[in-house]
């Protein structure tokens, strides 16, 4: 990515879409009631669709069409622009993932 709020993400549009759905989930949860869970289900469904389908398809297409994509992909977060140090501090077991070597082109 370039600069700006999504500069550390390879898919800033998807990140923005997920932020939108997360905010709807927050408003729904704040409103309460039995129907509030549906707004959170919407967010979960969007995460699943993006991570399991849309992003892998875009990544495969970009790897075929764009020179230097794998190098760019290894240095830029797929979705959330978190530094490896922050990721390791937030998630147990993330240290092993942060040390995993990048695949060769």
Protein backbone atom coordinates (compact mmCIF):
# COMPACT_ATOMS: atom_id res chain seq x y z
CA UNK A 1 0.00 0.00 0.00
CA UNK A 2 0.87 3.64 -0.11
CA UNK A 3 0.50 6.13 2.69
CA UNK A 4 -2.57 6.92 4.71
CA UNK A 5 -4.59 4.91 7.15
CA UNK A 6 -4.51 1.76 5.02
CA UNK A 7 -0.92 2.12 3.87
CA UNK A 8 0.28 -0.94 5.73
CA UNK A 9 -2.40 -3.22 4.26
CA UNK A 10 -2.38 -5.00 0.90
CA UNK A 11 -6.18 -4.75 0.86
CA UNK A 12 -7.18 -1.39 2.38
CA UNK A 13 -10.61 -1.47 0.69
CA UNK A 14 -11.44 -4.75 2.40
CA UNK A 15 -10.12 -3.33 5.66
CA UNK A 16 -12.43 -0.33 5.28
CA UNK A 17 -15.38 -2.58 4.51
CA UNK A 18 -14.67 -4.64 7.63
CA UNK A 19 -14.40 -1.46 9.71
CA UNK A 20 -17.84 -0.46 8.39
CA UNK A 21 -19.34 -3.84 9.35
CA UNK A 22 -17.62 -3.75 12.75
CA UNK A 23 -19.18 -0.34 13.43
CA UNK A 24 -22.61 -1.69 12.50
CA UNK A 25 -21.97 -4.56 14.91
CA UNK A 26 -21.03 -2.12 17.66
CA UNK A 27 -24.17 -0.06 17.11
CA UNK A 28 -26.29 -3.20 17.09
CA UNK A 29 -24.70 -4.47 20.28
CA UNK A 30 -25.24 -1.08 21.93
CA UNK A 31 -28.90 -1.13 20.90
CA UNK A 32 -29.32 -4.50 22.59
CA UNK A 33 -32.19 -6.86 22.17
CA UNK A 34 -32.41 -10.27 20.55
CA UNK A 35 -31.87 -8.88 17.06
CA UNK A 36 -28.55 -7.25 17.98
CA UNK A 37 -26.66 -10.50 17.36
CA UNK A 38 -27.53 -10.37 13.65
CA UNK A 39 -25.35 -7.31 13.22
CA UNK A 40 -22.40 -9.18 14.71
CA UNK A 41 -23.14 -12.15 12.48
CA UNK A 42 -22.91 -9.81 9.49
CA UNK A 43 -19.42 -8.75 10.54
CA UNK A 44 -18.35 -12.36 11.09
CA UNK A 45 -19.74 -13.35 7.67
CA UNK A 46 -17.83 -10.56 5.94
CA UNK A 47 -14.58 -11.54 7.67
CA UNK A 48 -15.09 -15.15 6.61
CA UNK A 49 -15.88 -14.20 3.00
CA UNK A 50 -12.93 -11.86 2.66
CA UNK A 51 -10.35 -14.08 4.37
CA UNK A 52 -11.51 -17.40 2.88
CA UNK A 53 -12.48 -16.32 -0.63
CA UNK A 54 -11.94 -12.77 -1.87
CA UNK A 55 -8.45 -12.10 -0.55
CA UNK A 56 -6.94 -15.45 -1.63
CA UNK A 57 -8.36 -14.96 -5.14
CA UNK A 58 -6.97 -11.41 -5.36
CA UNK A 59 -3.60 -12.54 -4.01
CA UNK A 60 -3.32 -15.36 -6.56
CA UNK A 61 -4.29 -13.02 -9.40
CA UNK A 62 -1.79 -10.38 -8.29
CA UNK A 63 1.00 -12.94 -7.93
CA UNK A 64 0.47 -13.98 -11.56
CA UNK A 65 0.10 -10.50 -13.04
CA UNK A 66 2.36 -8.19 -11.06
CA UNK A 67 6.13 -8.34 -11.06
CA UNK A 68 7.55 -8.13 -7.56
CA UNK A 69 4.23 -9.03 -5.90
CA UNK A 70 5.69 -11.70 -3.64
CA UNK A 71 8.33 -9.31 -2.35
CA UNK A 72 5.67 -6.67 -1.70
CA UNK A 73 3.40 -9.24 -0.07
CA UNK A 74 6.14 -10.42 2.27
CA UNK A 75 6.72 -6.88 3.52
CA UNK A 76 3.11 -5.67 3.77
CA UNK A 77 0.33 -7.01 5.99
CA UNK A 78 -2.48 -8.82 4.21
CA UNK A 79 -5.26 -7.00 6.05
CA UNK A 80 -4.41 -5.51 9.44
CA UNK A 81 -1.32 -3.30 9.39
CA UNK A 82 0.15 -4.55 12.68
CA UNK A 83 3.86 -4.67 13.30
CA UNK A 84 5.23 -8.13 14.11
CA UNK A 85 6.30 -6.88 17.57
CA UNK A 86 2.75 -5.66 18.34
CA UNK A 87 1.26 -8.87 16.95
CA UNK A 88 3.51 -10.99 19.15
CA UNK A 89 2.52 -8.98 22.21
CA UNK A 90 -1.23 -9.35 21.45
CA UNK A 91 -1.54 -12.96 20.33
CA UNK A 92 -0.16 -16.05 22.03
CA UNK A 93 1.76 -18.18 19.57
CA UNK A 94 2.23 -15.32 17.12
CA UNK A 95 5.98 -15.31 17.72
CA UNK A 96 6.33 -18.50 15.68
CA UNK A 97 4.35 -16.97 12.81
CA UNK A 98 6.37 -13.74 12.93
CA UNK A 99 9.62 -15.72 12.57
CA UNK A 100 8.34 -17.91 9.72
CA UNK A 101 10.50 -17.27 6.62
CA UNK A 102 8.82 -15.87 3.52
CA UNK A 103 8.28 -18.20 0.56
CA UNK A 104 10.65 -17.82 -2.38
CA UNK A 105 9.34 -16.27 -5.59
